[in-house]
């Protein structure tokens, strides 16, 4: 049975859509966890949210970097 290859346009959409999700999830999860920590501590300033957001950004860029480096 022959293997159907994806058209080039769909292949690019899948690849870059996956990168977008790979970047969005760590950022969103880090910000959400930081927000929960701020809410739990009753903090007036969003220090945990900022820390979670920064850690999410670092994780997102590290993941994308490793994925693009392997090409």
PDB file of N, CA and C in Angstrom:
ATOM      1  N   UNK A   1       0.841  -1.171   0.000  1.00  0.00           N
ATOM      2  CA  UNK A   1       0.000   0.000   0.000  1.00  0.00           C
ATOM      3  C   UNK A   1       0.889   1.238   0.000  1.00  0.00           C
ATOM      4  N   UNK A   2       0.720   2.156  -0.949  1.00  0.00           N
ATOM      5  CA  UNK A   2       1.589   3.334  -1.019  1.00  0.00           C
ATOM      6  C   UNK A   2       1.301   4.321   0.114  1.00  0.00           C
ATOM      7  N   UNK A   3       2.352   4.968   0.558  1.00  0.00           N
ATOM      8  CA  UNK A   3       2.231   5.967   1.615  1.00  0.00           C
ATOM      9  C   UNK A   3       1.903   7.301   0.963  1.00  0.00           C
ATOM     10  N   UNK A   4       0.844   7.940   1.437  1.00  0.00           N
ATOM     11  CA  UNK A   4       0.445   9.247   0.901  1.00  0.00           C
ATOM     12  C   UNK A   4       1.285  10.320   1.587  1.00  0.00           C
ATOM     13  N   UNK A   5       1.954  11.119   0.801  1.00  0.00           N
ATOM     14  CA  UNK A   5       2.731  12.219   1.350  1.00  0.00           C
ATOM     15  C   UNK A   5       1.849  13.443   1.473  1.00  0.00           C
ATOM     16  N   UNK A   6       2.063  14.204   2.542  1.00  0.00           N
ATOM     17  CA  UNK A   6       1.288  15.427   2.724  1.00  0.00           C
ATOM     18  C   UNK A   6       1.761  16.470   1.722  1.00  0.00           C
ATOM     19  N   UNK A   7       0.834  17.247   1.182  1.00  0.00           N
ATOM     20  CA  UNK A   7       1.268  18.342   0.320  1.00  0.00           C
ATOM     21  C   UNK A   7       2.172  19.292   1.091  1.00  0.00           C
ATOM     22  N   UNK A   8       3.040  19.949   0.357  1.00  0.00           N
ATOM     23  CA  UNK A   8       4.055  20.796   0.980  1.00  0.00           C
ATOM     24  C   UNK A   8       3.435  21.878   1.864  1.00  0.00           C
ATOM     25  N   UNK A   9       2.325  22.456   1.442  1.00  0.00           N
ATOM     26  CA  UNK A   9       1.687  23.518   2.213  1.00  0.00           C
ATOM     27  C   UNK A   9       1.163  22.999   3.545  1.00  0.00           C
ATOM     28  N   UNK A  10       0.538  21.818   3.543  1.00  0.00           N
ATOM     29  CA  UNK A  10       0.038  21.233   4.781  1.00  0.00           C
ATOM     30  C   UNK A  10       1.177  20.824   5.706  1.00  0.00           C
ATOM     31  N   UNK A  11       2.251  20.353   5.122  1.00  0.00           N
ATOM     32  CA  UNK A  11       3.409  19.967   5.934  1.00  0.00           C
ATOM     33  C   UNK A  11       3.988  21.174   6.662  1.00  0.00           C
ATOM     34  N   UNK A  12       4.106  22.306   5.976  1.00  0.00           N
ATOM     35  CA  UNK A  12       4.600  23.530   6.617  1.00  0.00           C
ATOM     36  C   UNK A  12       3.653  24.033   7.689  1.00  0.00           C
ATOM     37  N   UNK A  13       2.346  23.947   7.404  1.00  0.00           N
ATOM     38  CA  UNK A  13       1.353  24.374   8.388  1.00  0.00           C
ATOM     39  C   UNK A  13       1.437  23.525   9.646  1.00  0.00           C
ATOM     40  N   UNK A  14       1.590  22.226   9.482  1.00  0.00           N
ATOM     41  CA  UNK A  14       1.703  21.334  10.634  1.00  0.00           C
ATOM     42  C   UNK A  14       2.980  21.616  11.419  1.00  0.00           C
ATOM     43  N   UNK A  15       4.075  21.845  10.719  1.00  0.00           N
ATOM     44  CA  UNK A  15       5.352  22.085  11.392  1.00  0.00           C
ATOM     45  C   UNK A  15       5.312  23.378  12.204  1.00  0.00           C
ATOM     46  N   UNK A  16       4.878  24.460  11.568  1.00  0.00           N
ATOM     47  CA  UNK A  16       4.896  25.745  12.268  1.00  0.00           C
ATOM     48  C   UNK A  16       3.747  25.886  13.252  1.00  0.00           C
ATOM     49  N   UNK A  17       2.658  25.201  13.008  1.00  0.00           N
ATOM     50  CA  UNK A  17       1.587  25.163  13.998  1.00  0.00           C
ATOM     51  C   UNK A  17       2.042  24.444  15.256  1.00  0.00           C
ATOM     52  N   UNK A  18       2.808  23.390  15.074  1.00  0.00           N
ATOM     53  CA  UNK A  18       3.371  22.686  16.230  1.00  0.00           C
ATOM     54  C   UNK A  18       4.338  23.558  17.004  1.00  0.00           C
ATOM     55  N   UNK A  19       5.127  24.353  16.306  1.00  0.00           N
ATOM     56  CA  UNK A  19       6.041  25.273  16.991  1.00  0.00           C
ATOM     57  C   UNK A  19       5.270  26.317  17.797  1.00  0.00           C
ATOM     58  N   UNK A  20       4.163  26.798  17.229  1.00  0.00           N
ATOM     59  CA  UNK A  20       3.359  27.796  17.933  1.00  0.00           C
ATOM     60  C   UNK A  20       2.791  27.217  19.225  1.00  0.00           C
ATOM     61  N   UNK A  21       2.290  25.998  19.160  1.00  0.00           N
ATOM     62  CA  UNK A  21       1.763  25.351  20.361  1.00  0.00           C
ATOM     63  C   UNK A  21       2.890  25.087  21.347  1.00  0.00           C
ATOM     64  N   UNK A  22       4.039  24.686  20.847  1.00  0.00           N
ATOM     65  CA  UNK A  22       5.186  24.410  21.708  1.00  0.00           C
ATOM     66  C   UNK A  22       5.651  25.673  22.418  1.00  0.00           C
ATOM     67  N   UNK A  23       5.435  26.828  21.832  1.00  0.00           N
ATOM     68  CA  UNK A  23       5.794  28.079  22.494  1.00  0.00           C
ATOM     69  C   UNK A  23       4.685  28.559  23.421  1.00  0.00           C
ATOM     70  N   UNK A  24       3.440  28.412  23.008  1.00  0.00           N
ATOM     71  CA  UNK A  24       2.323  28.974  23.770  1.00  0.00           C
ATOM     72  C   UNK A  24       2.063  28.236  25.078  1.00  0.00           C
ATOM     73  N   UNK A  25       2.162  26.934  25.069  1.00  0.00           N
ATOM     74  CA  UNK A  25       1.823  26.168  26.266  1.00  0.00           C
ATOM     75  C   UNK A  25       2.726  26.462  27.468  1.00  0.00           C
ATOM     76  N   UNK A  26       4.046  26.416  27.354  1.00  0.00           N
ATOM     77  CA  UNK A  26       4.862  26.719  28.536  1.00  0.00           C
ATOM     78  C   UNK A  26       4.656  28.141  29.060  1.00  0.00           C
ATOM     79  N   UNK A  27       4.456  29.095  28.151  1.00  0.00           N
ATOM     80  CA  UNK A  27       4.239  30.477  28.577  1.00  0.00           C
ATOM     81  C   UNK A  27       2.923  30.585  29.338  1.00  0.00           C
ATOM     82  N   UNK A  28       1.872  30.009  28.784  1.00  0.00           N
ATOM     83  CA  UNK A  28       0.557  30.079  29.432  1.00  0.00           C
ATOM     84  C   UNK A  28       0.547  29.335  30.762  1.00  0.00           C
ATOM     85  N   UNK A  29       1.153  28.170  30.807  1.00  0.00           N
ATOM     86  CA  UNK A  29       1.174  27.398  32.051  1.00  0.00           C
ATOM     87  C   UNK A  29       1.998  28.117  33.117  1.00  0.00           C
ATOM     88  N   UNK A  30       3.136  28.678  32.738  1.00  0.00           N
ATOM     89  CA  UNK A  30       3.952  29.416  33.708  1.00  0.00           C
ATOM     90  C   UNK A  30       3.221  30.626  34.262  1.00  0.00           C
ATOM     91  N   UNK A  31       2.550  31.376  33.394  1.00  0.00           N
ATOM     92  CA  UNK A  31       1.797  32.547  33.862  1.00  0.00           C
ATOM     93  C   UNK A  31       0.632  32.116  34.740  1.00  0.00           C
ATOM     94  N   UNK A  32      -0.049  31.040  34.366  1.00  0.00           N
ATOM     95  CA  UNK A  32      -1.178  30.562  35.164  1.00  0.00           C
ATOM     96  C   UNK A  32      -0.727  30.083  36.548  1.00  0.00           C
ATOM     97  N   UNK A  33       0.355  29.315  36.592  1.00  0.00           N
ATOM     98  CA  UNK A  33       0.851  28.845  37.892  1.00  0.00           C
ATOM     99  C   UNK A  33       1.315  30.011  38.767  1.00  0.00           C
ATOM    100  N   UNK A  34       1.980  30.987  38.157  1.00  0.00           N
ATOM    101  CA  UNK A  34       2.399  32.160  38.908  1.00  0.00           C
ATOM    102  C   UNK A  34       1.216  32.949  39.436  1.00  0.00           C
ATOM    103  N   UNK A  35       0.176  33.062  38.630  1.00  0.00           N
ATOM    104  CA  UNK A  35      -1.032  33.757  39.060  1.00  0.00           C
ATOM    105  C   UNK A  35      -1.696  33.032  40.224  1.00  0.00           C
ATOM    106  N   UNK A  36      -1.713  31.713  40.150  1.00  0.00           N
ATOM    107  CA  UNK A  36      -2.283  30.924  41.263  1.00  0.00           C
ATOM    108  C   UNK A  36      -1.475  31.129  42.542  1.00  0.00           C
ATOM    109  N   UNK A  37      -0.150  31.186  42.419  1.00  0.00           N
ATOM    110  CA  UNK A  37       0.691  31.417  43.597  1.00  0.00           C
ATOM    111  C   UNK A  37       0.443  32.808  44.177  1.00  0.00           C
ATOM    112  N   UNK A  38       0.323  33.812  43.321  1.00  0.00           N
ATOM    113  CA  UNK A  38       0.021  35.157  43.804  1.00  0.00           C
ATOM    114  C   UNK A  38      -1.324  35.197  44.507  1.00  0.00           C
ATOM    115  N   UNK A  39      -2.302  34.521  43.930  1.00  0.00           N
ATOM    116  CA  UNK A  39      -3.630  34.504  44.536  1.00  0.00           C
ATOM    117  C   UNK A  39      -3.606  33.771  45.873  1.00  0.00           C
ATOM    118  N   UNK A  40      -2.885  32.663  45.931  1.00  0.00           N
ATOM    119  CA  UNK A  40      -2.821  31.875  47.157  1.00  0.00           C
ATOM    120  C   UNK A  40      -2.147  32.649  48.284  1.00  0.00           C
ATOM    121  N   UNK A  41      -1.116  33.428  47.958  1.00  0.00           N
ATOM    122  CA  UNK A  41      -0.405  34.194  48.981  1.00  0.00           C
ATOM    123  C   UNK A  41      -1.065  35.535  49.272  1.00  0.00           C
ATOM    124  N   UNK A  42      -2.029  35.928  48.463  1.00  0.00           N
ATOM    125  CA  UNK A  42      -2.683  37.210  48.675  1.00  0.00           C
ATOM    126  C   UNK A  42      -1.770  38.387  48.377  1.00  0.00           C
ATOM    127  N   UNK A  43      -0.865  38.192  47.463  1.00  0.00           N
ATOM    128  CA  UNK A  43       0.117  39.220  47.128  1.00  0.00           C
ATOM    129  C   UNK A  43      -0.533  40.337  46.316  1.00  0.00           C
ATOM    130  N   UNK A  44      -0.192  41.589  46.647  1.00  0.00           N
ATOM    131  CA  UNK A  44      -0.725  42.738  45.914  1.00  0.00           C
ATOM    132  C   UNK A  44       0.039  42.946  44.602  1.00  0.00           C
ATOM    133  N   UNK A  45       1.273  42.501  44.551  1.00  0.00           N
ATOM    134  CA  UNK A  45       2.088  42.660  43.344  1.00  0.00           C
ATOM    135  C   UNK A  45       2.321  41.284  42.712  1.00  0.00           C
ATOM    136  N   UNK A  46       2.303  41.217  41.394  1.00  0.00           N
ATOM    137  CA  UNK A  46       2.352  39.913  40.708  1.00  0.00           C
ATOM    138  C   UNK A  46       3.763  39.355  40.513  1.00  0.00           C
ATOM    139  N   UNK A  47       4.501  39.216  41.597  1.00  0.00           N
ATOM    140  CA  UNK A  47       5.866  38.711  41.467  1.00  0.00           C
ATOM    141  C   UNK A  47       5.899  37.270  40.956  1.00  0.00           C
ATOM    142  N   UNK A  48       5.059  36.410  41.487  1.00  0.00           N
ATOM    143  CA  UNK A  48       5.044  35.014  41.055  1.00  0.00           C
ATOM    144  C   UNK A  48       4.580  34.888  39.615  1.00  0.00           C
ATOM    145  N   UNK A  49       3.615  35.724  39.220  1.00  0.00           N
ATOM    146  CA  UNK A  49       3.144  35.688  37.835  1.00  0.00           C
ATOM    147  C   UNK A  49       4.269  36.061  36.879  1.00  0.00           C
ATOM    148  N   UNK A  50       5.010  37.100  37.216  1.00  0.00           N
ATOM    149  CA  UNK A  50       6.134  37.498  36.376  1.00  0.00           C
ATOM    150  C   UNK A  50       7.214  36.422  36.324  1.00  0.00           C
ATOM    151  N   UNK A  51       7.491  35.818  37.464  1.00  0.00           N
ATOM    152  CA  UNK A  51       8.486  34.745  37.490  1.00  0.00           C
ATOM    153  C   UNK A  51       8.025  33.556  36.662  1.00  0.00           C
ATOM    154  N   UNK A  52       6.765  33.167  36.803  1.00  0.00           N
ATOM    155  CA  UNK A  52       6.232  32.061  36.004  1.00  0.00           C
ATOM    156  C   UNK A  52       6.247  32.368  34.523  1.00  0.00           C
ATOM    157  N   UNK A  53       5.921  33.613  34.184  1.00  0.00           N
ATOM    158  CA  UNK A  53       5.936  34.020  32.780  1.00  0.00           C
ATOM    159  C   UNK A  53       7.349  33.964  32.214  1.00  0.00           C
ATOM    160  N   UNK A  54       8.319  34.451  32.957  1.00  0.00           N
ATOM    161  CA  UNK A  54       9.705  34.419  32.491  1.00  0.00           C
ATOM    162  C   UNK A  54      10.226  32.987  32.349  1.00  0.00           C
ATOM    163  N   UNK A  55       9.903  32.145  33.329  1.00  0.00           N
ATOM    164  CA  UNK A  55      10.326  30.744  33.223  1.00  0.00           C
ATOM    165  C   UNK A  55       9.656  30.055  32.044  1.00  0.00           C
ATOM    166  N   UNK A  56       8.388  30.365  31.800  1.00  0.00           N
ATOM    167  CA  UNK A  56       7.699  29.815  30.635  1.00  0.00           C
ATOM    168  C   UNK A  56       8.332  30.260  29.333  1.00  0.00           C
ATOM    169  N   UNK A  57       8.727  31.540  29.271  1.00  0.00           N
ATOM    170  CA  UNK A  57       9.397  32.046  28.071  1.00  0.00           C
ATOM    171  C   UNK A  57      10.720  31.334  27.832  1.00  0.00           C
ATOM    172  N   UNK A  58      11.496  31.159  28.893  1.00  0.00           N
ATOM    173  CA  UNK A  58      12.784  30.473  28.760  1.00  0.00           C
ATOM    174  C   UNK A  58      12.574  29.033  28.287  1.00  0.00           C
ATOM    175  N   UNK A  59      11.592  28.360  28.879  1.00  0.00           N
ATOM    176  CA  UNK A  59      11.322  26.982  28.481  1.00  0.00           C
ATOM    177  C   UNK A  59      10.832  26.904  27.039  1.00  0.00           C
ATOM    178  N   UNK A  60      10.002  27.854  26.631  1.00  0.00           N
ATOM    179  CA  UNK A  60       9.480  27.858  25.259  1.00  0.00           C
ATOM    180  C   UNK A  60      10.603  28.075  24.254  1.00  0.00           C
ATOM    181  N   UNK A  61      11.449  29.053  24.501  1.00  0.00           N
ATOM    182  CA  UNK A  61      12.541  29.316  23.563  1.00  0.00           C
ATOM    183  C   UNK A  61      13.556  28.186  23.556  1.00  0.00           C
ATOM    184  N   UNK A  62      13.804  27.565  24.707  1.00  0.00           N
ATOM    185  CA  UNK A  62      14.727  26.426  24.739  1.00  0.00           C
ATOM    186  C   UNK A  62      14.160  25.252  23.941  1.00  0.00           C
ATOM    187  N   UNK A  63      12.864  25.020  24.061  1.00  0.00           N
ATOM    188  CA  UNK A  63      12.247  23.936  23.304  1.00  0.00           C
ATOM    189  C   UNK A  63      12.279  24.175  21.810  1.00  0.00           C
ATOM    190  N   UNK A  64      11.970  25.396  21.402  1.00  0.00           N
ATOM    191  CA  UNK A  64      11.992  25.725  19.976  1.00  0.00           C
ATOM    192  C   UNK A  64      13.417  25.684  19.450  1.00  0.00           C
ATOM    193  N   UNK A  65      14.355  26.174  20.237  1.00  0.00           N
ATOM    194  CA  UNK A  65      15.761  26.169  19.817  1.00  0.00           C
ATOM    195  C   UNK A  65      16.243  24.737  19.581  1.00  0.00           C
ATOM    196  N   UNK A  66      15.925  23.851  20.515  1.00  0.00           N
ATOM    197  CA  UNK A  66      16.379  22.472  20.349  1.00  0.00           C
ATOM    198  C   UNK A  66      15.695  21.799  19.158  1.00  0.00           C
ATOM    199  N   UNK A  67      14.447  22.136  18.917  1.00  0.00           N
ATOM    200  CA  UNK A  67      13.737  21.549  17.783  1.00  0.00           C
ATOM    201  C   UNK A  67      14.282  22.056  16.455  1.00  0.00           C
ATOM    202  N   UNK A  68      14.605  23.338  16.383  1.00  0.00           N
ATOM    203  CA  UNK A  68      15.131  23.894  15.146  1.00  0.00           C
ATOM    204  C   UNK A  68      16.604  23.504  14.930  1.00  0.00           C
ATOM    205  N   UNK A  69      17.329  23.304  16.018  1.00  0.00           N
ATOM    206  CA  UNK A  69      18.740  22.923  15.925  1.00  0.00           C
ATOM    207  C   UNK A  69      18.897  21.519  15.356  1.00  0.00           C
ATOM    208  N   UNK A  70      17.931  20.661  15.626  1.00  0.00           N
ATOM    209  CA  UNK A  70      18.015  19.266  15.179  1.00  0.00           C
ATOM    210  C   UNK A  70      17.782  19.099  13.686  1.00  0.00           C
ATOM    211  N   UNK A  71      17.339  20.118  13.021  1.00  0.00           N
ATOM    212  CA  UNK A  71      17.073  20.002  11.580  1.00  0.00           C
ATOM    213  C   UNK A  71      18.301  19.714  10.819  1.00  0.00           C
TER     214      UNK A  71
END
